[in-house]
Amino acid sequence: MAFRIGGNSMRIDNEAVKLISLEGRVAMVTGGASGIGRASALRLAQAGATLAVLDIDHSGGKETVQRIQRDGAEARFYACDVTSDADCRTTVERIHKEFARLDILVNNAGIIWRKTIVETSEDEWNAVLDVNLKGIFLLSRRVIPEMVKSGGGSIINTGSGWGLKGGEKAAAYCAAKGGVVNLTRAMAIDHGRDGIRVNCICPGDTDTELLKGEAVQLGVSRGDFFKQAADRPLNRLGHPEDIANAVLFLASDMSSWTTGSVLAVDGGGLA
């Protein structure tokens, strides 16, 4: 079995590597143009998966694909707005037609507005709920029947530490991510008999463009904002690769008896 490490292929035969390998599987990652989505797509490809990278950011999505292909893995970009049922339907149809199976779905697309509920407009509320929560519903309901045909699969939803506790000036985001956490549990209950595992990963503050955008929205310096965000037991911000490693665990057979779980990857922030 070939396992890619740092762009090189090496043949390793041991039980642990077999469990983590995704050879022969097809993975979809939304929000794959940057940040946690890009890191997750790269990590899944390194474990042997074929990648379908979904995003509305064409240039960023294509760059992710190019990076995967440079490492010798197969990947394609699909322009998809996860808030559009038509986009989700046609994208899943294209991916299944081109790859003949769907094994892993990482529902990662997300946006945030740092506002109280009084400050949040109806359009802003709808946008945050649509991308972060409705997008999981729209895409998952198209993917699950295809996973059933393939004999099962793994769905990983990106929640947040603020899906497990409240946060300041982020009312719509907290509502959406709280919904993601419990939607994950409901999906796990409904589709476990189909061989589909559904889990939620809850990142803490991670060094991404999304986090930088929060500083801008709040009108504070990036340095001060990042310093405050790093105030947690492990004394640093998360890296996108920290989250991607947990995504790989939940996508692989290492987590074959794990479903309906909510995994905080936050440097101890919730603790």
Protein backbone atom coordinates (compact mmCIF):
# COMPACT_ATOMS: atom_id res chain seq x y z
CA MET A 1 0.00 0.00 0.00
CA ALA A 2 1.38 3.37 -1.02
CA PHE A 3 1.10 6.21 1.46
CA ARG A 4 2.09 9.75 0.51
CA ILE A 5 4.26 11.62 2.98
CA GLY A 6 5.55 15.07 2.08
CA GLY A 7 4.79 14.53 -1.59
CA ASN A 8 6.70 11.26 -1.77
CA SER A 9 5.20 7.80 -1.98
CA MET A 10 6.49 5.05 0.22
CA ARG A 11 5.29 1.52 0.76
CA ILE A 12 4.52 0.73 4.35
CA ASP A 13 2.79 -2.41 5.52
CA ASN A 14 1.47 -2.17 9.03
CA GLU A 15 -1.97 -2.15 10.58
CA ALA A 16 -1.95 1.49 11.70
CA VAL A 17 -1.21 2.83 8.24
CA LYS A 18 -3.84 0.58 6.70
CA LEU A 19 -6.40 2.02 9.11
CA ILE A 20 -5.55 5.62 8.27
CA SER A 21 -5.24 5.07 4.51
CA LEU A 22 -7.97 6.45 2.26
CA GLU A 23 -6.77 4.77 -0.93
CA GLY A 24 -9.61 4.13 -3.36
CA ARG A 25 -11.98 6.59 -1.67
CA VAL A 26 -13.48 9.80 -3.00
CA ALA A 27 -13.72 12.79 -0.65
CA MET A 28 -15.65 16.05 -1.05
CA VAL A 29 -14.58 19.14 0.89
CA THR A 30 -16.62 22.34 0.91
CA GLY A 31 -14.92 25.65 1.56
CA GLY A 32 -11.84 24.01 0.10
CA ALA A 33 -10.32 27.17 -1.36
CA SER A 34 -8.52 28.23 1.81
CA GLY A 35 -7.98 27.74 5.51
CA ILE A 36 -9.28 24.62 7.22
CA GLY A 37 -10.96 23.41 4.03
CA ARG A 38 -7.75 23.59 2.01
CA ALA A 39 -5.70 21.94 4.77
CA SER A 40 -8.27 19.16 5.09
CA ALA A 41 -8.32 18.50 1.35
CA LEU A 42 -4.53 18.32 1.27
CA ARG A 43 -4.38 15.97 4.26
CA LEU A 44 -7.04 13.62 2.88
CA ALA A 45 -5.21 13.52 -0.44
CA GLN A 46 -1.95 12.69 1.34
CA ALA A 47 -3.75 9.70 2.86
CA GLY A 48 -4.67 8.47 -0.61
CA ALA A 49 -8.12 9.92 -1.30
CA THR A 50 -9.27 11.40 -4.59
CA LEU A 51 -10.52 14.93 -3.88
CA ALA A 52 -13.47 16.96 -5.05
CA VAL A 53 -12.81 20.52 -3.87
CA LEU A 54 -15.95 22.68 -3.64
CA ASP A 55 -16.09 26.45 -3.20
CA ILE A 56 -17.46 29.66 -4.70
CA ASP A 57 -13.87 30.98 -4.83
CA HIS A 58 -12.70 29.69 -8.21
CA SER A 59 -9.09 30.83 -8.01
CA GLY A 60 -8.54 29.58 -4.47
CA GLY A 61 -10.25 26.27 -5.19
CA LYS A 62 -8.18 25.69 -8.30
CA GLU A 63 -5.02 26.51 -6.36
CA THR A 64 -5.91 23.85 -3.79
CA VAL A 65 -6.38 21.35 -6.60
CA GLN A 66 -3.04 22.27 -8.15
CA ARG A 67 -1.27 21.75 -4.83
CA ILE A 68 -2.86 18.32 -4.46
CA GLN A 69 -1.94 17.37 -8.00
CA ARG A 70 1.67 18.48 -7.49
CA ASP A 71 1.87 15.89 -4.73
CA GLY A 72 0.75 13.21 -7.18
CA ALA A 73 -2.87 12.83 -6.08
CA GLU A 74 -6.05 13.26 -8.11
CA ALA A 75 -8.29 16.26 -7.50
CA ARG A 76 -10.83 18.40 -9.32
CA PHE A 77 -12.46 21.72 -8.53
CA TYR A 78 -16.22 22.23 -8.57
CA ALA A 79 -17.78 25.68 -8.30
CA CYS A 80 -20.62 25.16 -5.84
CA ASP A 81 -22.70 27.49 -3.70
CA VAL A 82 -23.77 25.29 -0.79
CA THR A 83 -26.77 27.55 -0.15
CA SER A 84 -28.21 26.62 -3.56
CA ASP A 85 -30.07 23.33 -3.81
CA ALA A 86 -29.63 23.36 -7.58
CA ASP A 87 -25.85 23.77 -7.23
CA CYS A 88 -25.65 20.98 -4.66
CA ARG A 89 -27.69 18.61 -6.82
CA THR A 90 -25.78 19.19 -10.04
CA THR A 91 -22.39 19.14 -8.30
CA VAL A 92 -23.06 15.80 -6.61
CA GLU A 93 -24.36 14.37 -9.88
CA ARG A 94 -21.18 15.48 -11.69
CA ILE A 95 -18.87 14.09 -9.02
CA HIS A 96 -20.64 10.75 -8.93
CA LYS A 97 -20.62 10.56 -12.73
CA GLU A 98 -16.89 11.32 -12.88
CA PHE A 99 -15.72 9.18 -9.92
CA ALA A 100 -18.53 6.59 -9.63
CA ARG A 101 -18.62 6.78 -5.82
CA LEU A 102 -18.69 9.13 -2.84
CA ASP A 103 -17.14 8.04 0.45
CA ILE A 104 -16.28 11.14 2.50
CA LEU A 105 -18.00 14.51 2.85
CA VAL A 106 -16.43 17.36 4.82
CA ASN A 107 -19.06 20.08 5.31
CA ASN A 108 -16.69 22.92 6.07
CA ALA A 109 -17.98 26.04 4.27
CA GLY A 110 -18.63 28.84 6.73
CA ILE A 111 -18.91 32.58 7.30
CA ILE A 112 -19.18 34.77 10.40
CA TRP A 113 -20.55 38.18 11.33
CA ARG A 114 -19.28 39.53 14.66
CA LYS A 115 -22.45 41.29 15.80
CA THR A 116 -25.01 41.08 18.58
CA ILE A 117 -28.51 40.01 17.67
CA VAL A 118 -29.64 43.66 17.81
CA GLU A 119 -26.90 44.73 15.40
CA THR A 120 -27.46 41.85 12.97
CA SER A 121 -29.63 42.53 9.93
CA GLU A 122 -32.06 39.92 8.64
CA ASP A 123 -29.93 39.45 5.52
CA GLU A 124 -26.81 38.88 7.65
CA TRP A 125 -28.67 36.40 9.87
CA ASN A 126 -29.94 34.49 6.83
CA ALA A 127 -26.50 34.43 5.20
CA VAL A 128 -24.78 32.98 8.29
CA LEU A 129 -27.48 30.36 8.87
CA ASP A 130 -27.63 29.47 5.18
CA VAL A 131 -23.90 28.90 4.67
CA ASN A 132 -23.06 27.33 8.03
CA LEU A 133 -26.17 25.20 8.63
CA LYS A 134 -28.50 25.01 5.64
CA GLY A 135 -25.53 24.19 3.40
CA ILE A 136 -24.92 21.00 5.39
CA PHE A 137 -28.57 20.02 4.95
CA LEU A 138 -28.66 20.72 1.22
CA LEU A 139 -25.43 18.92 0.34
CA SER A 140 -25.79 16.00 2.75
CA ARG A 141 -29.23 15.05 1.50
CA ARG A 142 -27.76 14.73 -2.01
CA VAL A 143 -24.64 12.87 -0.89
CA ILE A 144 -26.14 10.35 1.53
CA PRO A 145 -28.04 8.32 -1.13
CA GLU A 146 -24.79 8.02 -3.12
CA MET A 147 -22.90 6.91 0.00
CA VAL A 148 -25.54 4.25 0.57
CA LYS A 149 -24.87 2.91 -2.94
CA SER A 150 -21.14 2.75 -2.10
CA GLY A 151 -21.80 0.79 1.10
CA GLY A 152 -21.45 3.65 3.57
CA GLY A 153 -19.21 6.60 4.28
CA SER A 154 -18.10 9.30 6.66
CA ILE A 155 -19.51 12.82 7.01
CA ILE A 156 -17.58 15.40 9.03
CA ASN A 157 -19.36 18.66 9.85
CA THR A 158 -17.35 21.68 10.92
CA GLY A 159 -18.85 23.16 14.05
CA SER A 160 -17.11 25.51 16.46
CA GLY A 161 -16.30 25.91 20.11
CA TRP A 162 -19.08 28.47 19.97
CA GLY A 163 -21.46 25.69 18.99
CA LEU A 164 -20.88 24.30 22.50
CA LYS A 165 -20.81 27.57 24.47
CA GLY A 166 -21.78 31.17 23.86
CA GLY A 167 -19.54 33.82 22.38
CA GLU A 168 -19.46 37.61 22.39
CA LYS A 169 -20.89 39.54 19.43
CA ALA A 170 -21.51 36.48 17.27
CA ALA A 171 -25.20 35.72 17.76
CA ALA A 172 -25.99 34.31 14.31
CA TYR A 173 -22.76 32.28 14.20
CA CYS A 174 -23.37 30.77 17.63
CA ALA A 175 -26.92 29.85 16.61
CA ALA A 176 -25.75 28.24 13.38
CA LYS A 177 -22.90 26.26 14.94
CA GLY A 178 -25.12 25.09 17.80
CA GLY A 179 -27.44 23.78 15.10
CA VAL A 180 -24.53 22.02 13.37
CA VAL A 181 -23.67 20.16 16.57
CA ASN A 182 -27.16 18.77 17.11
CA LEU A 183 -27.82 18.19 13.40
CA THR A 184 -24.72 15.99 13.46
CA ARG A 185 -26.20 13.86 16.24
CA ALA A 186 -29.53 13.54 14.42
CA MET A 187 -27.83 12.51 11.17
CA ALA A 188 -25.72 9.93 13.00
CA ILE A 189 -28.84 8.36 14.49
CA ASP A 190 -30.75 8.32 11.21
CA HIS A 191 -28.03 6.94 8.95
CA GLY A 192 -25.91 4.66 11.12
CA ARG A 193 -27.81 1.64 9.79
CA ASP A 194 -26.69 2.67 6.30
CA GLY A 195 -23.06 2.39 7.34
CA ILE A 196 -22.68 6.16 7.37
CA ARG A 197 -20.84 7.77 10.28
CA VAL A 198 -21.50 11.44 11.01
CA ASN A 199 -19.29 13.44 13.36
CA CYS A 200 -18.69 17.08 14.20
CA ILE A 201 -15.35 18.77 14.70
CA CYS A 202 -15.30 21.98 16.75
CA PRO A 203 -12.20 24.09 16.10
CA GLY A 204 -11.02 26.83 18.38
CA ASP A 205 -9.55 30.05 16.97
CA THR A 206 -7.45 29.01 14.00
CA ASP A 207 -5.05 31.14 11.95
CA THR A 208 -7.14 31.58 8.80
CA GLU A 209 -8.43 34.43 6.67
CA LEU A 210 -11.80 34.00 8.42
CA LEU A 211 -10.18 34.78 11.78
CA LYS A 212 -8.34 37.78 10.32
CA GLY A 213 -11.67 39.02 9.01
CA GLU A 214 -13.11 38.90 12.52
CA ALA A 215 -10.50 41.39 13.71
CA VAL A 216 -11.50 43.73 10.89
CA GLN A 217 -15.22 43.39 11.72
CA LEU A 218 -14.55 44.15 15.39
CA GLY A 219 -12.28 47.09 14.54
CA VAL A 220 -9.33 45.82 16.57
CA SER A 221 -5.72 45.27 15.58
CA ARG A 222 -4.88 41.83 14.29
CA GLY A 223 -1.98 41.51 16.72
CA ASP A 224 -4.10 42.23 19.79
CA PHE A 225 -6.94 40.03 18.52
CA PHE A 226 -4.65 37.08 17.82
CA LYS A 227 -2.90 37.48 21.18
CA GLN A 228 -6.23 37.31 22.98
CA ALA A 229 -7.35 34.34 20.87
CA ALA A 230 -4.16 32.45 21.76
CA ASP A 231 -4.91 32.74 25.49
CA ARG A 232 -5.68 29.07 26.10
CA PRO A 233 -3.87 26.15 27.82
CA LEU A 234 -1.65 25.35 24.82
CA ASN A 235 -0.87 29.07 24.49
CA ARG A 236 -1.23 29.42 20.72
CA LEU A 237 -3.70 29.74 17.89
CA GLY A 238 -4.64 26.64 15.97
CA HIS A 239 -3.10 25.91 12.59
CA PRO A 240 -5.36 24.68 9.79
CA GLU A 241 -3.32 21.46 9.79
CA ASP A 242 -4.30 20.84 13.43
CA ILE A 243 -7.92 20.65 12.36
CA ALA A 244 -7.12 18.70 9.19
CA ASN A 245 -5.44 15.97 11.24
CA ALA A 246 -8.64 15.48 13.21
CA VAL A 247 -10.65 15.43 9.97
CA LEU A 248 -8.41 12.65 8.67
CA PHE A 249 -8.99 10.62 11.84
CA LEU A 250 -12.78 10.93 11.48
CA ALA A 251 -12.67 10.17 7.75
CA SER A 252 -10.58 7.02 8.18
CA ASP A 253 -11.16 3.57 9.59
CA MET A 254 -9.28 4.69 12.71
CA SER A 255 -12.68 6.03 13.84
CA SER A 256 -14.77 3.11 12.58
CA TRP A 257 -16.85 2.98 15.81
CA THR A 258 -17.16 6.73 16.21
CA THR A 259 -20.37 8.45 15.17
CA GLY A 260 -22.48 11.25 16.60
CA SER A 261 -19.39 12.58 18.36
CA VAL A 262 -18.40 16.20 18.86
CA LEU A 263 -14.63 16.64 18.92
CA ALA A 264 -13.18 19.90 20.22
CA VAL A 265 -9.82 20.74 18.65
CA ASP A 266 -9.11 24.03 20.37
CA GLY A 267 -5.89 23.93 22.34
CA GLY A 268 -7.87 23.47 25.54
CA GLY A 269 -9.99 26.59 25.10
CA LEU A 270 -13.22 24.96 26.22
CA ALA A 271 -11.47 23.38 29.18
